[in-house]
């Protein structure tokens, strides 16, 4: 497996359900806040707000992208509100921190969430200061993964060469464009989702990184 990553000089990590386990269920909190925001701003009932939240995620990449394209909402207001959640139950992960620290080259985070939220999560996980850059949806011009223009915007801003980079993601559809851009792709999730655009799967990111860096 190490040979498959010998060319990698930039390591790109998604945030939610990738750098912390899905069992933390942060999205349970975020989805409640998303629904409340949609109810208030669009003036719809809870059932309709939930339907739109799921529909926009499916058809536009994120709920925010659908809200911006179809309702011209203010992304800053939305991002600030939906990410004001309790992170108190997140715990530092020393094994993951060690694995990240041992990677050769640059390490970056790229999330569909906001950068301030990402930085809060990283701090709660004991991963603050381990990344050379943190990019949120703001840095992608509010275009969401899995859109190619989102990846192109962030990678151009970072100056990374996709052909010498690897992408770690929990959402399989978000690995299709990185694969097309010649990145090494790793699906991080409890259950595999085999697909031609996924090179590797792991349900233990810290263990996977330890194997890559084991001398």
C-alpha atoms as a PDB file:
ATOM      1  CA  UNK A   1       0.000   0.000   0.000  1.00  0.00           C
ATOM      2  CA  UNK A   2       2.859   2.399   0.718  1.00  0.00           C
ATOM      3  CA  UNK A   3       3.932   2.226  -2.932  1.00  0.00           C
ATOM      4  CA  UNK A   4       0.528   3.538  -3.972  1.00  0.00           C
ATOM      5  CA  UNK A   5       1.217   6.739  -2.032  1.00  0.00           C
ATOM      6  CA  UNK A   6       4.949   7.138  -2.641  1.00  0.00           C
ATOM      7  CA  UNK A   7       4.309  10.016  -5.070  1.00  0.00           C
ATOM      8  CA  UNK A   8       2.030  11.947  -2.705  1.00  0.00           C
ATOM      9  CA  UNK A   9       3.293  15.307  -1.455  1.00  0.00           C
ATOM     10  CA  UNK A  10      -0.047  16.859  -0.419  1.00  0.00           C
ATOM     11  CA  UNK A  11      -2.600  15.113   1.793  1.00  0.00           C
ATOM     12  CA  UNK A  12      -6.152  16.475   1.573  1.00  0.00           C
ATOM     13  CA  UNK A  13      -8.661  15.578   4.293  1.00  0.00           C
ATOM     14  CA  UNK A  14     -12.373  16.162   4.502  1.00  0.00           C
ATOM     15  CA  UNK A  15     -13.534  17.123   7.995  1.00  0.00           C
ATOM     16  CA  UNK A  16     -16.945  15.840   9.064  1.00  0.00           C
ATOM     17  CA  UNK A  17     -17.134  12.079   9.648  1.00  0.00           C
ATOM     18  CA  UNK A  18     -13.545  11.818   8.385  1.00  0.00           C
ATOM     19  CA  UNK A  19     -11.364  13.471  11.026  1.00  0.00           C
ATOM     20  CA  UNK A  20     -13.804  12.415  13.721  1.00  0.00           C
ATOM     21  CA  UNK A  21     -15.925   9.227  13.843  1.00  0.00           C
ATOM     22  CA  UNK A  22     -19.523   9.239  12.585  1.00  0.00           C
ATOM     23  CA  UNK A  23     -20.545   8.017  16.038  1.00  0.00           C
ATOM     24  CA  UNK A  24     -19.986  11.589  17.260  1.00  0.00           C
ATOM     25  CA  UNK A  25     -23.185  12.452  15.355  1.00  0.00           C
ATOM     26  CA  UNK A  26     -22.400  16.125  14.916  1.00  0.00           C
ATOM     27  CA  UNK A  27     -24.654  16.192  11.874  1.00  0.00           C
ATOM     28  CA  UNK A  28     -27.642  15.388  14.078  1.00  0.00           C
ATOM     29  CA  UNK A  29     -27.131  18.813  15.644  1.00  0.00           C
ATOM     30  CA  UNK A  30     -26.346  20.543  12.349  1.00  0.00           C
ATOM     31  CA  UNK A  31     -29.410  19.134  10.606  1.00  0.00           C
ATOM     32  CA  UNK A  32     -31.696  20.388  13.375  1.00  0.00           C
ATOM     33  CA  UNK A  33     -30.255  23.869  12.939  1.00  0.00           C
ATOM     34  CA  UNK A  34     -30.491  23.633   9.127  1.00  0.00           C
ATOM     35  CA  UNK A  35     -34.161  22.717   9.354  1.00  0.00           C
ATOM     36  CA  UNK A  36     -34.881  25.556  11.773  1.00  0.00           C
ATOM     37  CA  UNK A  37     -33.097  28.026   9.474  1.00  0.00           C
ATOM     38  CA  UNK A  38     -35.044  26.880   6.405  1.00  0.00           C
ATOM     39  CA  UNK A  39     -38.340  27.019   8.311  1.00  0.00           C
ATOM     40  CA  UNK A  40     -37.722  30.589   9.429  1.00  0.00           C
ATOM     41  CA  UNK A  41     -36.156  32.025   6.270  1.00  0.00           C
ATOM     42  CA  UNK A  42     -38.445  30.330   3.732  1.00  0.00           C
ATOM     43  CA  UNK A  43     -41.560  30.400   5.887  1.00  0.00           C
ATOM     44  CA  UNK A  44     -42.313  26.684   5.558  1.00  0.00           C
ATOM     45  CA  UNK A  45     -43.395  23.977   7.992  1.00  0.00           C
ATOM     46  CA  UNK A  46     -40.915  21.534   9.522  1.00  0.00           C
ATOM     47  CA  UNK A  47     -41.788  18.643   7.194  1.00  0.00           C
ATOM     48  CA  UNK A  48     -41.262  20.809   4.119  1.00  0.00           C
ATOM     49  CA  UNK A  49     -38.023  22.244   5.513  1.00  0.00           C
ATOM     50  CA  UNK A  50     -36.677  18.733   6.051  1.00  0.00           C
ATOM     51  CA  UNK A  51     -37.736  17.712   2.548  1.00  0.00           C
ATOM     52  CA  UNK A  52     -35.969  20.698   1.005  1.00  0.00           C
ATOM     53  CA  UNK A  53     -32.850  20.164   3.122  1.00  0.00           C
ATOM     54  CA  UNK A  54     -32.493  16.592   1.856  1.00  0.00           C
ATOM     55  CA  UNK A  55     -33.510  17.412  -1.724  1.00  0.00           C
ATOM     56  CA  UNK A  56     -31.022  20.265  -2.065  1.00  0.00           C
ATOM     57  CA  UNK A  57     -28.204  18.123  -0.649  1.00  0.00           C
ATOM     58  CA  UNK A  58     -28.989  15.406  -3.206  1.00  0.00           C
ATOM     59  CA  UNK A  59     -29.434  17.678  -6.234  1.00  0.00           C
ATOM     60  CA  UNK A  60     -26.998  20.525  -5.518  1.00  0.00           C
ATOM     61  CA  UNK A  61     -24.226  18.971  -3.427  1.00  0.00           C
ATOM     62  CA  UNK A  62     -25.156  20.781  -0.211  1.00  0.00           C
ATOM     63  CA  UNK A  63     -28.314  22.254   1.254  1.00  0.00           C
ATOM     64  CA  UNK A  64     -26.632  25.666   1.131  1.00  0.00           C
ATOM     65  CA  UNK A  65     -25.938  25.393  -2.600  1.00  0.00           C
ATOM     66  CA  UNK A  66     -29.600  24.717  -3.281  1.00  0.00           C
ATOM     67  CA  UNK A  67     -30.680  27.581  -1.061  1.00  0.00           C
ATOM     68  CA  UNK A  68     -28.287  29.966  -2.805  1.00  0.00           C
ATOM     69  CA  UNK A  69     -29.237  28.874  -6.320  1.00  0.00           C
ATOM     70  CA  UNK A  70     -32.992  28.765  -5.803  1.00  0.00           C
ATOM     71  CA  UNK A  71     -33.624  31.294  -3.032  1.00  0.00           C
ATOM     72  CA  UNK A  72     -30.626  33.688  -3.144  1.00  0.00           C
ATOM     73  CA  UNK A  73     -29.938  33.269   0.569  1.00  0.00           C
ATOM     74  CA  UNK A  74     -27.057  34.901   2.433  1.00  0.00           C
ATOM     75  CA  UNK A  75     -24.445  32.138   2.864  1.00  0.00           C
ATOM     76  CA  UNK A  76     -22.643  33.842   5.752  1.00  0.00           C
ATOM     77  CA  UNK A  77     -25.788  33.996   7.901  1.00  0.00           C
ATOM     78  CA  UNK A  78     -26.598  30.372   7.165  1.00  0.00           C
ATOM     79  CA  UNK A  79     -23.091  29.046   7.822  1.00  0.00           C
ATOM     80  CA  UNK A  80     -22.735  30.933  11.092  1.00  0.00           C
ATOM     81  CA  UNK A  81     -26.039  29.698  12.432  1.00  0.00           C
ATOM     82  CA  UNK A  82     -26.039  26.040  11.420  1.00  0.00           C
ATOM     83  CA  UNK A  83     -22.505  25.421  12.712  1.00  0.00           C
ATOM     84  CA  UNK A  84     -23.066  26.851  16.200  1.00  0.00           C
ATOM     85  CA  UNK A  85     -23.219  23.399  17.763  1.00  0.00           C
ATOM     86  CA  UNK A  86     -21.902  21.744  20.916  1.00  0.00           C
ATOM     87  CA  UNK A  87     -18.516  20.049  20.389  1.00  0.00           C
ATOM     88  CA  UNK A  88     -18.094  19.159  24.051  1.00  0.00           C
ATOM     89  CA  UNK A  89     -18.277  15.408  23.489  1.00  0.00           C
ATOM     90  CA  UNK A  90     -15.467  15.351  20.905  1.00  0.00           C
ATOM     91  CA  UNK A  91     -12.244  14.000  22.390  1.00  0.00           C
ATOM     92  CA  UNK A  92      -8.615  14.360  21.286  1.00  0.00           C
ATOM     93  CA  UNK A  93      -7.245  11.486  19.197  1.00  0.00           C
ATOM     94  CA  UNK A  94      -3.526  11.127  19.834  1.00  0.00           C
ATOM     95  CA  UNK A  95      -3.154   8.190  17.436  1.00  0.00           C
ATOM     96  CA  UNK A  96      -4.672  10.180  14.596  1.00  0.00           C
ATOM     97  CA  UNK A  97      -2.544  13.192  15.478  1.00  0.00           C
ATOM     98  CA  UNK A  98       0.585  11.025  15.368  1.00  0.00           C
ATOM     99  CA  UNK A  99      -0.426   9.559  12.006  1.00  0.00           C
ATOM    100  CA  UNK A 100      -1.034  12.980  10.496  1.00  0.00           C
ATOM    101  CA  UNK A 101       2.185  14.375  11.910  1.00  0.00           C
ATOM    102  CA  UNK A 102       4.193  11.548  10.342  1.00  0.00           C
ATOM    103  CA  UNK A 103       2.915  12.151   6.804  1.00  0.00           C
ATOM    104  CA  UNK A 104       5.568  13.549   4.455  1.00  0.00           C
ATOM    105  CA  UNK A 105       4.673  16.782   2.710  1.00  0.00           C
ATOM    106  CA  UNK A 106       1.797  19.200   3.248  1.00  0.00           C
ATOM    107  CA  UNK A 107      -1.471  18.420   5.016  1.00  0.00           C
ATOM    108  CA  UNK A 108      -4.660  20.377   4.348  1.00  0.00           C
ATOM    109  CA  UNK A 109      -8.323  20.201   5.320  1.00  0.00           C
ATOM    110  CA  UNK A 110     -11.006  20.884   2.719  1.00  0.00           C
ATOM    111  CA  UNK A 111     -14.624  20.813   3.909  1.00  0.00           C
ATOM    112  CA  UNK A 112     -18.054  21.829   2.653  1.00  0.00           C
ATOM    113  CA  UNK A 113     -18.550  23.419   6.074  1.00  0.00           C
ATOM    114  CA  UNK A 114     -17.147  26.795   7.102  1.00  0.00           C
ATOM    115  CA  UNK A 115     -13.495  27.330   7.986  1.00  0.00           C
ATOM    116  CA  UNK A 116     -14.199  28.686  11.507  1.00  0.00           C
ATOM    117  CA  UNK A 117     -16.262  25.585  12.284  1.00  0.00           C
ATOM    118  CA  UNK A 118     -13.515  23.343  10.897  1.00  0.00           C
ATOM    119  CA  UNK A 119     -10.939  25.023  13.109  1.00  0.00           C
ATOM    120  CA  UNK A 120     -13.160  24.479  16.170  1.00  0.00           C
ATOM    121  CA  UNK A 121     -13.538  20.786  15.362  1.00  0.00           C
ATOM    122  CA  UNK A 122      -9.803  20.349  14.795  1.00  0.00           C
ATOM    123  CA  UNK A 123      -9.056  21.963  18.149  1.00  0.00           C
ATOM    124  CA  UNK A 124     -11.571  19.707  19.911  1.00  0.00           C
ATOM    125  CA  UNK A 125      -9.925  16.651  18.333  1.00  0.00           C
ATOM    126  CA  UNK A 126      -6.429  17.731  19.374  1.00  0.00           C
ATOM    127  CA  UNK A 127      -5.484  18.300  15.739  1.00  0.00           C
ATOM    128  CA  UNK A 128      -5.032  22.054  15.812  1.00  0.00           C
ATOM    129  CA  UNK A 129      -1.776  23.215  14.279  1.00  0.00           C
ATOM    130  CA  UNK A 130      -1.210  19.981  12.346  1.00  0.00           C
ATOM    131  CA  UNK A 131      -2.451  21.311   9.002  1.00  0.00           C
ATOM    132  CA  UNK A 132      -0.750  23.716   6.643  1.00  0.00           C
ATOM    133  CA  UNK A 133      -4.093  25.136   5.521  1.00  0.00           C
ATOM    134  CA  UNK A 134      -7.808  24.804   6.229  1.00  0.00           C
ATOM    135  CA  UNK A 135     -10.286  25.499   3.426  1.00  0.00           C
ATOM    136  CA  UNK A 136     -14.024  25.820   3.853  1.00  0.00           C
ATOM    137  CA  UNK A 137     -16.822  26.288   1.365  1.00  0.00           C
ATOM    138  CA  UNK A 138     -16.091  30.047   1.495  1.00  0.00           C
ATOM    139  CA  UNK A 139     -12.712  29.449  -0.139  1.00  0.00           C
ATOM    140  CA  UNK A 140     -14.460  27.473  -2.906  1.00  0.00           C
ATOM    141  CA  UNK A 141     -16.621  30.475  -3.755  1.00  0.00           C
ATOM    142  CA  UNK A 142     -19.498  28.664  -2.017  1.00  0.00           C
ATOM    143  CA  UNK A 143     -19.454  25.965  -4.684  1.00  0.00           C
ATOM    144  CA  UNK A 144     -19.796  22.589  -2.959  1.00  0.00           C
ATOM    145  CA  UNK A 145     -18.044  19.306  -3.337  1.00  0.00           C
ATOM    146  CA  UNK A 146     -18.757  17.246  -5.473  1.00  0.00           C
ATOM    147  CA  UNK A 147     -18.687  20.053  -8.116  1.00  0.00           C
ATOM    148  CA  UNK A 148     -15.431  20.142 -10.055  1.00  0.00           C
ATOM    149  CA  UNK A 149     -15.263  23.933  -9.901  1.00  0.00           C
ATOM    150  CA  UNK A 150     -15.179  23.705  -6.107  1.00  0.00           C
ATOM    151  CA  UNK A 151     -12.126  21.448  -6.139  1.00  0.00           C
ATOM    152  CA  UNK A 152     -10.445  23.547  -8.817  1.00  0.00           C
ATOM    153  CA  UNK A 153     -10.946  26.739  -6.805  1.00  0.00           C
ATOM    154  CA  UNK A 154      -9.491  25.309  -3.604  1.00  0.00           C
ATOM    155  CA  UNK A 155      -6.620  23.493  -5.289  1.00  0.00           C
ATOM    156  CA  UNK A 156      -5.693  26.599  -7.277  1.00  0.00           C
ATOM    157  CA  UNK A 157      -5.717  28.688  -4.110  1.00  0.00           C
ATOM    158  CA  UNK A 158      -3.522  26.126  -2.396  1.00  0.00           C
ATOM    159  CA  UNK A 159      -1.224  25.637  -5.365  1.00  0.00           C
ATOM    160  CA  UNK A 160      -1.295  21.867  -5.062  1.00  0.00           C
ATOM    161  CA  UNK A 161      -0.758  19.480  -7.959  1.00  0.00           C
ATOM    162  CA  UNK A 162      -3.604  16.928  -7.919  1.00  0.00           C
ATOM    163  CA  UNK A 163      -1.370  14.332  -9.576  1.00  0.00           C
ATOM    164  CA  UNK A 164       0.806  14.312  -6.463  1.00  0.00           C
ATOM    165  CA  UNK A 165      -1.999  14.476  -3.901  1.00  0.00           C
ATOM    166  CA  UNK A 166      -4.343  12.131  -2.032  1.00  0.00           C
ATOM    167  CA  UNK A 167      -7.933  12.801  -0.930  1.00  0.00           C
ATOM    168  CA  UNK A 168      -9.571  11.286   2.177  1.00  0.00           C
ATOM    169  CA  UNK A 169     -13.381  11.543   2.278  1.00  0.00           C
ATOM    170  CA  UNK A 170     -16.369   9.898   3.957  1.00  0.00           C
ATOM    171  CA  UNK A 171     -18.761  10.730   1.103  1.00  0.00           C
ATOM    172  CA  UNK A 172     -18.131   8.479  -1.940  1.00  0.00           C
ATOM    173  CA  UNK A 173     -19.516  10.937  -4.501  1.00  0.00           C
ATOM    174  CA  UNK A 174     -17.000  13.542  -3.373  1.00  0.00           C
ATOM    175  CA  UNK A 175     -14.136  11.308  -4.522  1.00  0.00           C
ATOM    176  CA  UNK A 176     -15.195  11.112  -8.179  1.00  0.00           C
ATOM    177  CA  UNK A 177     -13.671  14.447  -9.225  1.00  0.00           C
ATOM    178  CA  UNK A 178     -10.433  13.938  -7.254  1.00  0.00           C
ATOM    179  CA  UNK A 179     -10.021  10.584  -9.011  1.00  0.00           C
ATOM    180  CA  UNK A 180     -10.630  12.238 -12.389  1.00  0.00           C
ATOM    181  CA  UNK A 181      -7.966  14.798 -11.462  1.00  0.00           C
ATOM    182  CA  UNK A 182      -5.464  11.940 -10.894  1.00  0.00           C
ATOM    183  CA  UNK A 183      -5.534  12.045  -7.102  1.00  0.00           C
ATOM    184  CA  UNK A 184      -5.188   8.963  -4.924  1.00  0.00           C
ATOM    185  CA  UNK A 185      -8.601   8.446  -3.284  1.00  0.00           C
ATOM    186  CA  UNK A 186      -9.421   6.972   0.132  1.00  0.00           C
ATOM    187  CA  UNK A 187     -12.965   6.387   1.337  1.00  0.00           C
ATOM    188  CA  UNK A 188     -13.140   6.763   5.132  1.00  0.00           C
ATOM    189  CA  UNK A 189     -16.336   5.186   6.456  1.00  0.00           C
ATOM    190  CA  UNK A 190     -17.621   2.238   8.498  1.00  0.00           C
ATOM    191  CA  UNK A 191     -18.995   0.509   5.390  1.00  0.00           C
ATOM    192  CA  UNK A 192     -17.161   0.243   2.044  1.00  0.00           C
ATOM    193  CA  UNK A 193     -18.747   1.682  -1.092  1.00  0.00           C
ATOM    194  CA  UNK A 194     -16.812   0.011  -3.925  1.00  0.00           C
ATOM    195  CA  UNK A 195     -16.575   2.180  -7.029  1.00  0.00           C
ATOM    196  CA  UNK A 196     -14.070   2.675  -9.855  1.00  0.00           C
ATOM    197  CA  UNK A 197     -13.134   6.105  -8.495  1.00  0.00           C
ATOM    198  CA  UNK A 198     -12.210   4.778  -5.026  1.00  0.00           C
ATOM    199  CA  UNK A 199      -8.715   3.328  -4.633  1.00  0.00           C
ATOM    200  CA  UNK A 200      -8.839   2.445  -0.931  1.00  0.00           C
ATOM    201  CA  UNK A 201     -11.317   2.121   1.915  1.00  0.00           C
ATOM    202  CA  UNK A 202     -10.717   2.293   5.646  1.00  0.00           C
ATOM    203  CA  UNK A 203     -12.877   2.383   8.753  1.00  0.00           C
ATOM    204  CA  UNK A 204      -9.846   3.355  10.859  1.00  0.00           C
ATOM    205  CA  UNK A 205      -8.090   6.463   9.580  1.00  0.00           C
ATOM    206  CA  UNK A 206      -5.428   6.476  12.297  1.00  0.00           C
ATOM    207  CA  UNK A 207      -4.561   2.860  11.561  1.00  0.00           C
ATOM    208  CA  UNK A 208      -4.491   3.492   7.824  1.00  0.00           C
ATOM    209  CA  UNK A 209      -2.087   6.408   8.220  1.00  0.00           C
ATOM    210  CA  UNK A 210       0.115   4.366  10.560  1.00  0.00           C
ATOM    211  CA  UNK A 211       0.492   1.723   7.835  1.00  0.00           C
ATOM    212  CA  UNK A 212       1.456   4.383   5.301  1.00  0.00           C
ATOM    213  CA  UNK A 213       4.194   5.847   7.471  1.00  0.00           C
ATOM    214  CA  UNK A 214       5.473   2.682   9.114  1.00  0.00           C
ATOM    215  CA  UNK A 215       9.190   2.485   8.372  1.00  0.00           C
END
